[in-house]
mmCIF file of all heavy atoms, coordinates in Angstrom:
data_MODEL
# 
_entry.id   MODEL 
# 
loop_
_atom_site.group_PDB 
_atom_site.id 
_atom_site.type_symbol 
_atom_site.label_atom_id 
_atom_site.label_alt_id 
_atom_site.label_comp_id 
_atom_site.label_asym_id 
_atom_site.label_entity_id 
_atom_site.label_seq_id 
_atom_site.pdbx_PDB_ins_code 
_atom_site.Cartn_x 
_atom_site.Cartn_y 
_atom_site.Cartn_z 
_atom_site.occupancy 
_atom_site.B_iso_or_equiv 
_atom_site.pdbx_formal_charge 
_atom_site.auth_seq_id 
_atom_site.auth_comp_id 
_atom_site.auth_asym_id 
_atom_site.auth_atom_id 
_atom_site.pdbx_PDB_model_num 
ATOM 1   N N   . SER A 1 1  ? 6.210  3.780   -5.823 1.00 0.00 ? 1  SER A N   1 
ATOM 2   C CA  . SER A 1 1  ? 6.354  4.725   -4.717 1.00 0.00 ? 1  SER A CA  1 
ATOM 3   C C   . SER A 1 1  ? 5.605  4.268   -3.457 1.00 0.00 ? 1  SER A C   1 
ATOM 4   O O   . SER A 1 1  ? 5.848  4.796   -2.378 1.00 0.00 ? 1  SER A O   1 
ATOM 5   C CB  . SER A 1 1  ? 5.843  6.103   -5.154 1.00 0.00 ? 1  SER A CB  1 
ATOM 6   O OG  . SER A 1 1  ? 4.473  5.997   -5.572 1.00 0.00 ? 1  SER A OG  1 
ATOM 7   N N   . SER A 1 2  ? 4.694  3.325   -3.614 1.00 0.00 ? 2  SER A N   1 
ATOM 8   C CA  . SER A 1 2  ? 3.893  2.904   -2.484 1.00 0.00 ? 2  SER A CA  1 
ATOM 9   C C   . SER A 1 2  ? 4.641  1.909   -1.579 1.00 0.00 ? 2  SER A C   1 
ATOM 10  O O   . SER A 1 2  ? 5.366  1.054   -2.069 1.00 0.00 ? 2  SER A O   1 
ATOM 11  C CB  . SER A 1 2  ? 2.586  2.266   -2.956 1.00 0.00 ? 2  SER A CB  1 
ATOM 12  O OG  . SER A 1 2  ? 2.828  1.131   -3.730 1.00 0.00 ? 2  SER A OG  1 
ATOM 13  N N   . ASN A 1 3  ? 4.451  2.068   -0.278 1.00 0.00 ? 3  ASN A N   1 
ATOM 14  C CA  . ASN A 1 3  ? 5.109  1.181   0.669  1.00 0.00 ? 3  ASN A CA  1 
ATOM 15  C C   . ASN A 1 3  ? 4.450  -0.186  0.700  1.00 0.00 ? 3  ASN A C   1 
ATOM 16  O O   . ASN A 1 3  ? 3.220  -0.282  0.826  1.00 0.00 ? 3  ASN A O   1 
ATOM 17  C CB  . ASN A 1 3  ? 5.050  1.766   2.085  1.00 0.00 ? 3  ASN A CB  1 
ATOM 18  C CG  . ASN A 1 3  ? 6.303  2.518   2.459  1.00 0.00 ? 3  ASN A CG  1 
ATOM 19  O OD1 . ASN A 1 3  ? 7.261  2.534   1.698  1.00 0.00 ? 3  ASN A OD1 1 
ATOM 20  N ND2 . ASN A 1 3  ? 6.291  3.155   3.610  1.00 0.00 ? 3  ASN A ND2 1 
ATOM 21  N N   . LYS A 1 4  ? 5.243  -1.264  0.566  1.00 0.00 ? 4  LYS A N   1 
ATOM 22  C CA  . LYS A 1 4  ? 4.732  -2.600  0.732  1.00 0.00 ? 4  LYS A CA  1 
ATOM 23  C C   . LYS A 1 4  ? 5.040  -3.125  2.175  1.00 0.00 ? 4  LYS A C   1 
ATOM 24  O O   . LYS A 1 4  ? 4.246  -3.804  2.777  1.00 0.00 ? 4  LYS A O   1 
ATOM 25  C CB  . LYS A 1 4  ? 5.352  -3.555  -0.278 1.00 0.00 ? 4  LYS A CB  1 
ATOM 26  C CG  . LYS A 1 4  ? 5.011  -3.186  -1.722 1.00 0.00 ? 4  LYS A CG  1 
ATOM 27  C CD  . LYS A 1 4  ? 3.508  -3.217  -1.972 1.00 0.00 ? 4  LYS A CD  1 
ATOM 28  C CE  . LYS A 1 4  ? 2.958  -4.643  -1.996 1.00 0.00 ? 4  LYS A CE  1 
ATOM 29  N NZ  . LYS A 1 4  ? 1.535  -4.660  -2.360 1.00 0.00 ? 4  LYS A NZ  1 
ATOM 30  N N   . ILE A 1 5  ? 6.248  -2.809  2.629  1.00 0.00 ? 5  ILE A N   1 
ATOM 31  C CA  . ILE A 1 5  ? 6.678  -3.241  3.979  1.00 0.00 ? 5  ILE A CA  1 
ATOM 32  C C   . ILE A 1 5  ? 7.356  -2.064  4.681  1.00 0.00 ? 5  ILE A C   1 
ATOM 33  O O   . ILE A 1 5  ? 8.146  -1.336  4.054  1.00 0.00 ? 5  ILE A O   1 
ATOM 34  C CB  . ILE A 1 5  ? 7.661  -4.423  3.929  1.00 0.00 ? 5  ILE A CB  1 
ATOM 35  C CG1 . ILE A 1 5  ? 6.960  -5.692  3.401  1.00 0.00 ? 5  ILE A CG1 1 
ATOM 36  C CG2 . ILE A 1 5  ? 8.269  -4.709  5.300  1.00 0.00 ? 5  ILE A CG2 1 
ATOM 37  C CD1 . ILE A 1 5  ? 7.865  -6.899  3.245  1.00 0.00 ? 5  ILE A CD1 1 
ATOM 38  N N   . ARG A 1 6  ? 7.019  -1.871  5.964  1.00 0.00 ? 6  ARG A N   1 
ATOM 39  C CA  . ARG A 1 6  ? 7.668  -0.865  6.762  1.00 0.00 ? 6  ARG A CA  1 
ATOM 40  C C   . ARG A 1 6  ? 8.057  -1.454  8.113  1.00 0.00 ? 6  ARG A C   1 
ATOM 41  O O   . ARG A 1 6  ? 7.213  -2.082  8.762  1.00 0.00 ? 6  ARG A O   1 
ATOM 42  C CB  . ARG A 1 6  ? 6.835  0.379   6.956  1.00 0.00 ? 6  ARG A CB  1 
ATOM 43  C CG  . ARG A 1 6  ? 7.572  1.509   7.671  1.00 0.00 ? 6  ARG A CG  1 
ATOM 44  C CD  . ARG A 1 6  ? 6.746  2.815   7.681  1.00 0.00 ? 6  ARG A CD  1 
ATOM 45  N NE  . ARG A 1 6  ? 5.754  2.785   8.759  1.00 0.00 ? 6  ARG A NE  1 
ATOM 46  C CZ  . ARG A 1 6  ? 5.982  3.299   9.997  1.00 0.00 ? 6  ARG A CZ  1 
ATOM 47  N NH1 . ARG A 1 6  ? 7.196  3.819   10.265 1.00 0.00 ? 6  ARG A NH1 1 
ATOM 48  N NH2 . ARG A 1 6  ? 5.065  3.254   10.911 1.00 0.00 ? 6  ARG A NH2 1 
ATOM 49  N N   . LEU A 1 7  ? 9.317  -1.311  8.486  1.00 0.00 ? 7  LEU A N   1 
ATOM 50  C CA  . LEU A 1 7  ? 9.802  -1.798  9.783  1.00 0.00 ? 7  LEU A CA  1 
ATOM 51  C C   . LEU A 1 7  ? 10.389 -0.644  10.557 1.00 0.00 ? 7  LEU A C   1 
ATOM 52  O O   . LEU A 1 7  ? 11.094 0.210   9.996  1.00 0.00 ? 7  LEU A O   1 
ATOM 53  C CB  . LEU A 1 7  ? 10.890 -2.859  9.576  1.00 0.00 ? 7  LEU A CB  1 
ATOM 54  C CG  . LEU A 1 7  ? 10.563 -4.121  8.742  1.00 0.00 ? 7  LEU A CG  1 
ATOM 55  C CD1 . LEU A 1 7  ? 11.790 -4.940  8.536  1.00 0.00 ? 7  LEU A CD1 1 
ATOM 56  C CD2 . LEU A 1 7  ? 9.468  -4.927  9.402  1.00 0.00 ? 7  LEU A CD2 1 
ATOM 57  N N   . LYS A 1 8  ? 10.120 -0.606  11.866 1.00 0.00 ? 8  LYS A N   1 
ATOM 58  C CA  . LYS A 1 8  ? 10.720 0.390   12.715 1.00 0.00 ? 8  LYS A CA  1 
ATOM 59  C C   . LYS A 1 8  ? 10.912 -0.242  14.115 1.00 0.00 ? 8  LYS A C   1 
ATOM 60  O O   . LYS A 1 8  ? 9.980  -0.811  14.683 1.00 0.00 ? 8  LYS A O   1 
ATOM 61  C CB  . LYS A 1 8  ? 9.875  1.638   12.844 1.00 0.00 ? 8  LYS A CB  1 
ATOM 62  C CG  . LYS A 1 8  ? 10.542 2.768   13.641 1.00 0.00 ? 8  LYS A CG  1 
ATOM 63  C CD  . LYS A 1 8  ? 9.768  4.062   13.529 1.00 0.00 ? 8  LYS A CD  1 
ATOM 64  C CE  . LYS A 1 8  ? 10.433 5.179   14.385 1.00 0.00 ? 8  LYS A CE  1 
ATOM 65  N NZ  . LYS A 1 8  ? 11.840 5.412   13.969 1.00 0.00 ? 8  LYS A NZ  1 
ATOM 66  N N   . ASP A 1 9  ? 12.149 -0.148  14.599 1.00 0.00 ? 9  ASP A N   1 
ATOM 67  C CA  . ASP A 1 9  ? 12.501 -0.767  15.904 1.00 0.00 ? 9  ASP A CA  1 
ATOM 68  C C   . ASP A 1 9  ? 11.966 -2.221  15.954 1.00 0.00 ? 9  ASP A C   1 
ATOM 69  O O   . ASP A 1 9  ? 11.391 -2.649  16.944 1.00 0.00 ? 9  ASP A O   1 
ATOM 70  C CB  . ASP A 1 9  ? 11.919 0.047   17.053 1.00 0.00 ? 9  ASP A CB  1 
ATOM 71  C CG  . ASP A 1 9  ? 12.474 1.478   17.086 1.00 0.00 ? 9  ASP A CG  1 
ATOM 72  O OD1 . ASP A 1 9  ? 13.657 1.640   16.707 1.00 0.00 ? 9  ASP A OD1 1 
ATOM 73  O OD2 . ASP A 1 9  ? 11.715 2.392   17.420 1.00 0.00 ? 9  ASP A OD2 1 
ATOM 74  N N   . PHE A 1 10 ? 12.242 -2.923  14.883 1.00 0.00 ? 10 PHE A N   1 
ATOM 75  C CA  . PHE A 1 10 ? 11.704 -4.297  14.712 1.00 0.00 ? 10 PHE A CA  1 
ATOM 76  C C   . PHE A 1 10 ? 12.735 -5.301  15.194 1.00 0.00 ? 10 PHE A C   1 
ATOM 77  O O   . PHE A 1 10 ? 13.925 -5.207  14.873 1.00 0.00 ? 10 PHE A O   1 
ATOM 78  C CB  . PHE A 1 10 ? 11.395 -4.525  13.236 1.00 0.00 ? 10 PHE A CB  1 
ATOM 79  C CG  . PHE A 1 10 ? 10.890 -5.898  12.883 1.00 0.00 ? 10 PHE A CG  1 
ATOM 80  C CD1 . PHE A 1 10 ? 9.567  -6.242  13.110 1.00 0.00 ? 10 PHE A CD1 1 
ATOM 81  C CD2 . PHE A 1 10 ? 11.738 -6.852  12.314 1.00 0.00 ? 10 PHE A CD2 1 
ATOM 82  C CE1 . PHE A 1 10 ? 9.088  -7.496  12.766 1.00 0.00 ? 10 PHE A CE1 1 
ATOM 83  C CE2 . PHE A 1 10 ? 11.273 -8.092  11.989 1.00 0.00 ? 10 PHE A CE2 1 
ATOM 84  C CZ  . PHE A 1 10 ? 9.954  -8.444  12.215 1.00 0.00 ? 10 PHE A CZ  1 
ATOM 85  N N   . THR A 1 11 ? 12.277 -6.289  15.960 1.00 0.00 ? 11 THR A N   1 
ATOM 86  C CA  . THR A 1 11 ? 13.127 -7.324  16.487 1.00 0.00 ? 11 THR A CA  1 
ATOM 87  C C   . THR A 1 11 ? 12.502 -8.692  16.320 1.00 0.00 ? 11 THR A C   1 
ATOM 88  O O   . THR A 1 11 ? 11.311 -8.868  16.615 1.00 0.00 ? 11 THR A O   1 
ATOM 89  C CB  . THR A 1 11 ? 13.446 -7.104  17.999 1.00 0.00 ? 11 THR A CB  1 
ATOM 90  O OG1 . THR A 1 11 ? 14.032 -5.800  18.174 1.00 0.00 ? 11 THR A OG1 1 
ATOM 91  C CG2 . THR A 1 11 ? 14.423 -8.156  18.551 1.00 0.00 ? 11 THR A CG2 1 
ATOM 92  N N   . GLY A 1 12 ? 13.309 -9.645  15.879 1.00 0.00 ? 12 GLY A N   1 
ATOM 93  C CA  . GLY A 1 12 ? 12.865 -11.059 15.791 1.00 0.00 ? 12 GLY A CA  1 
ATOM 94  C C   . GLY A 1 12 ? 13.629 -11.906 16.812 1.00 0.00 ? 12 GLY A C   1 
ATOM 95  O O   . GLY A 1 12 ? 14.827 -11.727 16.999 1.00 0.00 ? 12 GLY A O   1 
ATOM 96  N N   . PHE A 1 13 ? 12.911 -12.774 17.481 1.00 0.00 ? 13 PHE A N   1 
ATOM 97  C CA  . PHE A 1 13 ? 13.471 -13.579 18.572 1.00 0.00 ? 13 PHE A CA  1 
ATOM 98  C C   . PHE A 1 13 ? 13.501 -15.061 18.237 1.00 0.00 ? 13 PHE A C   1 
ATOM 99  O O   . PHE A 1 13 ? 12.644 -15.569 17.528 1.00 0.00 ? 13 PHE A O   1 
ATOM 100 C CB  . PHE A 1 13 ? 12.638 -13.397 19.867 1.00 0.00 ? 13 PHE A CB  1 
ATOM 101 C CG  . PHE A 1 13 ? 12.644 -12.007 20.417 1.00 0.00 ? 13 PHE A CG  1 
ATOM 102 C CD1 . PHE A 1 13 ? 11.790 -11.029 19.872 1.00 0.00 ? 13 PHE A CD1 1 
ATOM 103 C CD2 . PHE A 1 13 ? 13.460 -11.671 21.482 1.00 0.00 ? 13 PHE A CD2 1 
ATOM 104 C CE1 . PHE A 1 13 ? 11.759 -9.763  20.413 1.00 0.00 ? 13 PHE A CE1 1 
ATOM 105 C CE2 . PHE A 1 13 ? 13.438 -10.400 22.014 1.00 0.00 ? 13 PHE A CE2 1 
ATOM 106 C CZ  . PHE A 1 13 ? 12.584 -9.411  21.482 1.00 0.00 ? 13 PHE A CZ  1 
ATOM 107 N N   . ARG A 1 14 ? 14.474 -15.733 18.771 1.00 0.00 ? 14 ARG A N   1 
ATOM 108 C CA  . ARG A 1 14 ? 14.468 -17.212 18.844 1.00 0.00 ? 14 ARG A CA  1 
ATOM 109 C C   . ARG A 1 14 ? 14.449 -17.522 20.344 1.00 0.00 ? 14 ARG A C   1 
ATOM 110 O O   . ARG A 1 14 ? 15.441 -17.269 21.044 1.00 0.00 ? 14 ARG A O   1 
ATOM 111 C CB  . ARG A 1 14 ? 15.647 -17.825 18.149 1.00 0.00 ? 14 ARG A CB  1 
ATOM 112 C CG  . ARG A 1 14 ? 15.571 -17.767 16.612 1.00 0.00 ? 14 ARG A CG  1 
ATOM 113 C CD  . ARG A 1 14 ? 16.688 -18.532 15.961 1.00 0.00 ? 14 ARG A CD  1 
ATOM 114 N NE  . ARG A 1 14 ? 16.631 -18.454 14.521 1.00 0.00 ? 14 ARG A NE  1 
ATOM 115 C CZ  . ARG A 1 14 ? 15.993 -19.313 13.722 1.00 0.00 ? 14 ARG A CZ  1 
ATOM 116 N NH1 . ARG A 1 14 ? 15.296 -20.314 14.267 1.00 0.00 ? 14 ARG A NH1 1 
ATOM 117 N NH2 . ARG A 1 14 ? 16.002 -19.164 12.413 1.00 0.00 ? 14 ARG A NH2 1 
ATOM 118 N N   . GLY A 1 15 ? 13.340 -18.051 20.807 1.00 0.00 ? 15 GLY A N   1 
ATOM 119 C CA  . GLY A 1 15 ? 13.132 -18.157 22.261 1.00 0.00 ? 15 GLY A CA  1 
ATOM 120 C C   . GLY A 1 15 ? 13.015 -16.774 22.845 1.00 0.00 ? 15 GLY A C   1 
ATOM 121 O O   . GLY A 1 15 ? 12.253 -15.935 22.342 1.00 0.00 ? 15 GLY A O   1 
ATOM 122 N N   . ASN A 1 16 ? 13.787 -16.486 23.853 1.00 0.00 ? 16 ASN A N   1 
ATOM 123 C CA  . ASN A 1 16 ? 13.801 -15.159 24.439 1.00 0.00 ? 16 ASN A CA  1 
ATOM 124 C C   . ASN A 1 16 ? 14.990 -14.307 23.978 1.00 0.00 ? 16 ASN A C   1 
ATOM 125 O O   . ASN A 1 16 ? 15.207 -13.208 24.475 1.00 0.00 ? 16 ASN A O   1 
ATOM 126 C CB  . ASN A 1 16 ? 13.829 -15.282 25.991 1.00 0.00 ? 16 ASN A CB  1 
ATOM 127 C CG  . ASN A 1 16 ? 12.543 -15.881 26.535 1.00 0.00 ? 16 ASN A CG  1 
ATOM 128 O OD1 . ASN A 1 16 ? 11.473 -15.570 26.050 1.00 0.00 ? 16 ASN A OD1 1 
ATOM 129 N ND2 . ASN A 1 16 ? 12.681 -16.775 27.515 1.00 0.00 ? 16 ASN A ND2 1 
ATOM 130 N N   . THR A 1 17 ? 15.766 -14.838 23.061 1.00 0.00 ? 17 THR A N   1 
ATOM 131 C CA  . THR A 1 17 ? 16.982 -14.161 22.621 1.00 0.00 ? 17 THR A CA  1 
ATOM 132 C C   . THR A 1 17 ? 16.725 -13.366 21.333 1.00 0.00 ? 17 THR A C   1 
ATOM 133 O O   . THR A 1 17 ? 16.262 -13.945 20.336 1.00 0.00 ? 17 THR A O   1 
ATOM 134 C CB  . THR A 1 17 ? 18.106 -15.191 22.364 1.00 0.00 ? 17 THR A CB  1 
ATOM 135 O OG1 . THR A 1 17 ? 18.282 -15.970 23.526 1.00 0.00 ? 17 THR A OG1 1 
ATOM 136 C CG2 . THR A 1 17 ? 19.396 -14.466 22.021 1.00 0.00 ? 17 THR A CG2 1 
ATOM 137 N N   . PRO A 1 18 ? 16.974 -12.078 21.319 1.00 0.00 ? 18 PRO A N   1 
ATOM 138 C CA  . PRO A 1 18 ? 16.832 -11.275 20.092 1.00 0.00 ? 18 PRO A CA  1 
ATOM 139 C C   . PRO A 1 18 ? 17.903 -11.719 19.072 1.00 0.00 ? 18 PRO A C   1 
ATOM 140 O O   . PRO A 1 18 ? 19.091 -11.762 19.418 1.00 0.00 ? 18 PRO A O   1 
ATOM 141 C CB  . PRO A 1 18 ? 17.021 -9.851  20.543 1.00 0.00 ? 18 PRO A CB  1 
ATOM 142 C CG  . PRO A 1 18 ? 17.757 -9.935  21.818 1.00 0.00 ? 18 PRO A CG  1 
ATOM 143 C CD  . PRO A 1 18 ? 17.383 -11.226 22.457 1.00 0.00 ? 18 PRO A CD  1 
ATOM 144 N N   . LYS A 1 19 ? 17.474 -12.057 17.867 1.00 0.00 ? 19 LYS A N   1 
ATOM 145 C CA  . LYS A 1 19 ? 18.400 -12.550 16.841 1.00 0.00 ? 19 LYS A CA  1 
ATOM 146 C C   . LYS A 1 19 ? 18.538 -11.649 15.629 1.00 0.00 ? 19 LYS A C   1 
ATOM 147 O O   . LYS A 1 19 ? 19.500 -11.734 14.904 1.00 0.00 ? 19 LYS A O   1 
ATOM 148 C CB  . LYS A 1 19 ? 17.949 -13.947 16.408 1.00 0.00 ? 19 LYS A CB  1 
ATOM 149 C CG  . LYS A 1 19 ? 18.162 -15.023 17.459 1.00 0.00 ? 19 LYS A CG  1 
ATOM 150 C CD  . LYS A 1 19 ? 19.656 -15.266 17.711 1.00 0.00 ? 19 LYS A CD  1 
ATOM 151 C CE  . LYS A 1 19 ? 19.886 -16.443 18.633 1.00 0.00 ? 19 LYS A CE  1 
ATOM 152 N NZ  . LYS A 1 19 ? 21.334 -16.696 18.853 1.00 0.00 ? 19 LYS A NZ  1 
ATOM 153 N N   . ILE A 1 20 ? 17.529 -10.818 15.364 1.00 0.00 ? 20 ILE A N   1 
ATOM 154 C CA  . ILE A 1 20 ? 17.571 -9.937  14.217 1.00 0.00 ? 20 ILE A CA  1 
ATOM 155 C C   . ILE A 1 20 ? 16.881 -8.623  14.565 1.00 0.00 ? 20 ILE A C   1 
ATOM 156 O O   . ILE A 1 20 ? 15.816 -8.607  15.222 1.00 0.00 ? 20 ILE A O   1 
ATOM 157 C CB  . ILE A 1 20 ? 16.907 -10.577 12.981 1.00 0.00 ? 20 ILE A CB  1 
ATOM 158 C CG1 . ILE A 1 20 ? 17.223 -9.757  11.716 1.00 0.00 ? 20 ILE A CG1 1 
ATOM 159 C CG2 . ILE A 1 20 ? 15.408 -10.740 13.159 1.00 0.00 ? 20 ILE A CG2 1 
ATOM 160 C CD1 . ILE A 1 20 ? 18.648 -9.878  11.241 1.00 0.00 ? 20 ILE A CD1 1 
ATOM 161 N N   . GLN A 1 21 ? 17.479 -7.517  14.170 1.00 0.00 ? 21 GLN A N   1 
ATOM 162 C CA  . GLN A 1 21 ? 16.964 -6.172  14.484 1.00 0.00 ? 21 GLN A CA  1 
ATOM 163 C C   . GLN A 1 21 ? 17.062 -5.284  13.278 1.00 0.00 ? 21 GLN A C   1 
ATOM 164 O O   . GLN A 1 21 ? 18.062 -5.273  12.572 1.00 0.00 ? 21 GLN A O   1 
ATOM 165 C CB  . GLN A 1 21 ? 17.704 -5.574  15.679 1.00 0.00 ? 21 GLN A CB  1 
ATOM 166 C CG  . GLN A 1 21 ? 17.532 -6.306  16.985 1.00 0.00 ? 21 GLN A CG  1 
ATOM 167 C CD  . GLN A 1 21 ? 18.351 -5.712  18.106 1.00 0.00 ? 21 GLN A CD  1 
ATOM 168 O OE1 . GLN A 1 21 ? 19.547 -5.562  17.991 1.00 0.00 ? 21 GLN A OE1 1 
ATOM 169 N NE2 . GLN A 1 21 ? 17.689 -5.377  19.208 1.00 0.00 ? 21 GLN A NE2 1 
ATOM 170 N N   . ALA A 1 22 ? 15.974 -4.548  12.999 1.00 0.00 ? 22 ALA A N   1 
ATOM 171 C CA  . ALA A 1 22 ? 15.973 -3.535  11.946 1.00 0.00 ? 22 ALA A CA  1 
ATOM 172 C C   . ALA A 1 22 ? 15.447 -2.243  12.535 1.00 0.00 ? 22 ALA A C   1 
ATOM 173 O O   . ALA A 1 22 ? 14.297 -2.122  12.963 1.00 0.00 ? 22 ALA A O   1 
ATOM 174 C CB  . ALA A 1 22 ? 15.058 -3.992  10.804 1.00 0.00 ? 22 ALA A CB  1 
ATOM 175 N N   . GLU A 1 23 ? 16.302 -1.243  12.603 1.00 0.00 ? 23 GLU A N   1 
ATOM 176 C CA  . GLU A 1 23 ? 15.933 0.031   13.191 1.00 0.00 ? 23 GLU A CA  1 
ATOM 177 C C   . GLU A 1 23 ? 14.885 0.731   12.360 1.00 0.00 ? 23 GLU A C   1 
ATOM 178 O O   . GLU A 1 23 ? 13.897 1.263   12.844 1.00 0.00 ? 23 GLU A O   1 
ATOM 179 C CB  . GLU A 1 23 ? 17.147 0.916   13.359 1.00 0.00 ? 23 GLU A CB  1 
ATOM 180 C CG  . GLU A 1 23 ? 16.854 2.279   13.999 1.00 0.00 ? 23 GLU A CG  1 
ATOM 181 C CD  . GLU A 1 23 ? 18.081 3.121   14.127 1.00 0.00 ? 23 GLU A CD  1 
ATOM 182 O OE1 . GLU A 1 23 ? 19.231 2.586   13.959 1.00 0.00 ? 23 GLU A OE1 1 
ATOM 183 O OE2 . GLU A 1 23 ? 17.969 4.334   14.419 1.00 0.00 ? 23 GLU A OE2 1 
ATOM 184 N N   . CYS A 1 24 ? 15.122 0.771   11.036 1.00 0.00 ? 24 CYS A N   1 
ATOM 185 C CA  . CYS A 1 24 ? 14.171 1.458   10.135 1.00 0.00 ? 24 CYS A CA  1 
ATOM 186 C C   . CYS A 1 24 ? 14.410 0.930   8.726  1.00 0.00 ? 24 CYS A C   1 
ATOM 187 O O   . CYS A 1 24 ? 15.512 0.972   8.230  1.00 0.00 ? 24 CYS A O   1 
ATOM 188 C CB  . CYS A 1 24 ? 14.376 2.961   10.195 1.00 0.00 ? 24 CYS A CB  1 
ATOM 189 S SG  . CYS A 1 24 ? 13.216 3.870   9.162  1.00 0.00 ? 24 CYS A SG  1 
ATOM 190 N N   . ALA A 1 25 ? 13.357 0.413   8.097  1.00 0.00 ? 25 ALA A N   1 
ATOM 191 C CA  . ALA A 1 25 ? 13.479 -0.128  6.733  1.00 0.00 ? 25 ALA A CA  1 
ATOM 192 C C   . ALA A 1 25 ? 12.153 -0.006  6.025  1.00 0.00 ? 25 ALA A C   1 
ATOM 193 O O   . ALA A 1 25 ? 11.086 -0.227  6.625  1.00 0.00 ? 25 ALA A O   1 
ATOM 194 C CB  . ALA A 1 25 ? 13.954 -1.563  6.769  1.00 0.00 ? 25 ALA A CB  1 
ATOM 195 N N   . GLU A 1 26 ? 12.227 0.302   4.736  1.00 0.00 ? 26 GLU A N   1 
ATOM 196 C CA  . GLU A 1 26 ? 11.015 0.384   3.911  1.00 0.00 ? 26 GLU A CA  1 
ATOM 197 C C   . GLU A 1 26 ? 11.246 -0.358  2.595  1.00 0.00 ? 26 GLU A C   1 
ATOM 198 O O   . GLU A 1 26 ? 12.358 -0.344  2.028  1.00 0.00 ? 26 GLU A O   1 
ATOM 199 C CB  . GLU A 1 26 ? 10.644 1.830   3.597  1.00 0.00 ? 26 GLU A CB  1 
ATOM 200 C CG  . GLU A 1 26 ? 10.177 2.619   4.832  1.00 0.00 ? 26 GLU A CG  1 
ATOM 201 C CD  . GLU A 1 26 ? 9.805  4.035   4.466  1.00 0.00 ? 26 GLU A CD  1 
ATOM 202 O OE1 . GLU A 1 26 ? 10.063 4.454   3.300  1.00 0.00 ? 26 GLU A OE1 1 
ATOM 203 O OE2 . GLU A 1 26 ? 9.237  4.756   5.316  1.00 0.00 ? 26 GLU A OE2 1 
ATOM 204 N N   . VAL A 1 27 ? 10.214 -0.992  2.115  1.00 0.00 ? 27 VAL A N   1 
ATOM 205 C CA  . VAL A 1 27 ? 10.263 -1.737  0.846  1.00 0.00 ? 27 VAL A CA  1 
ATOM 206 C C   . VAL A 1 27 ? 9.109  -1.211  0.003  1.00 0.00 ? 27 VAL A C   1 
ATOM 207 O O   . VAL A 1 27 ? 7.963  -1.188  0.452  1.00 0.00 ? 27 VAL A O   1 
ATOM 208 C CB  . VAL A 1 27 ? 10.139 -3.234  1.051  1.00 0.00 ? 27 VAL A CB  1 
ATOM 209 C CG1 . VAL A 1 27 ? 10.248 -3.971  -0.279 1.00 0.00 ? 27 VAL A CG1 1 
ATOM 210 C CG2 . VAL A 1 27 ? 11.183 -3.764  2.052  1.00 0.00 ? 27 VAL A CG2 1 
ATOM 211 N N   . LYS A 1 28 ? 9.418  -0.805  -1.232 1.00 0.00 ? 28 LYS A N   1 
ATOM 212 C CA  . LYS A 1 28 ? 8.446  -0.269  -2.137 1.00 0.00 ? 28 LYS A CA  1 
ATOM 213 C C   . LYS A 1 28 ? 7.888  -1.335  -3.075 1.00 0.00 ? 28 LYS A C   1 
ATOM 214 O O   . LYS A 1 28 ? 8.495  -2.386  -3.288 1.00 0.00 ? 28 LYS A O   1 
ATOM 215 C CB  . LYS A 1 28 ? 9.035  0.863   -2.974 1.00 0.00 ? 28 LYS A CB  1 
ATOM 216 C CG  . LYS A 1 28 ? 9.614  2.032   -2.176 1.00 0.00 ? 28 LYS A CG  1 
ATOM 217 C CD  . LYS A 1 28 ? 8.537  2.758   -1.396 1.00 0.00 ? 28 LYS A CD  1 
ATOM 218 C CE  . LYS A 1 28 ? 9.098  3.989   -0.695 1.00 0.00 ? 28 LYS A CE  1 
ATOM 219 N NZ  . LYS A 1 28 ? 8.092  4.686   0.101  1.00 0.00 ? 28 LYS A NZ  1 
# 
C-alpha cells in the first residue's frame, strides 16, 4: 500500500523538446 514512486505533471526532455509526459501516476 505504500507509495514508492509518485509522478504529477511530470515531463522528461531531450534538449529543450518535451518527449515524455505523465499527468498522474503512482507505483506501490
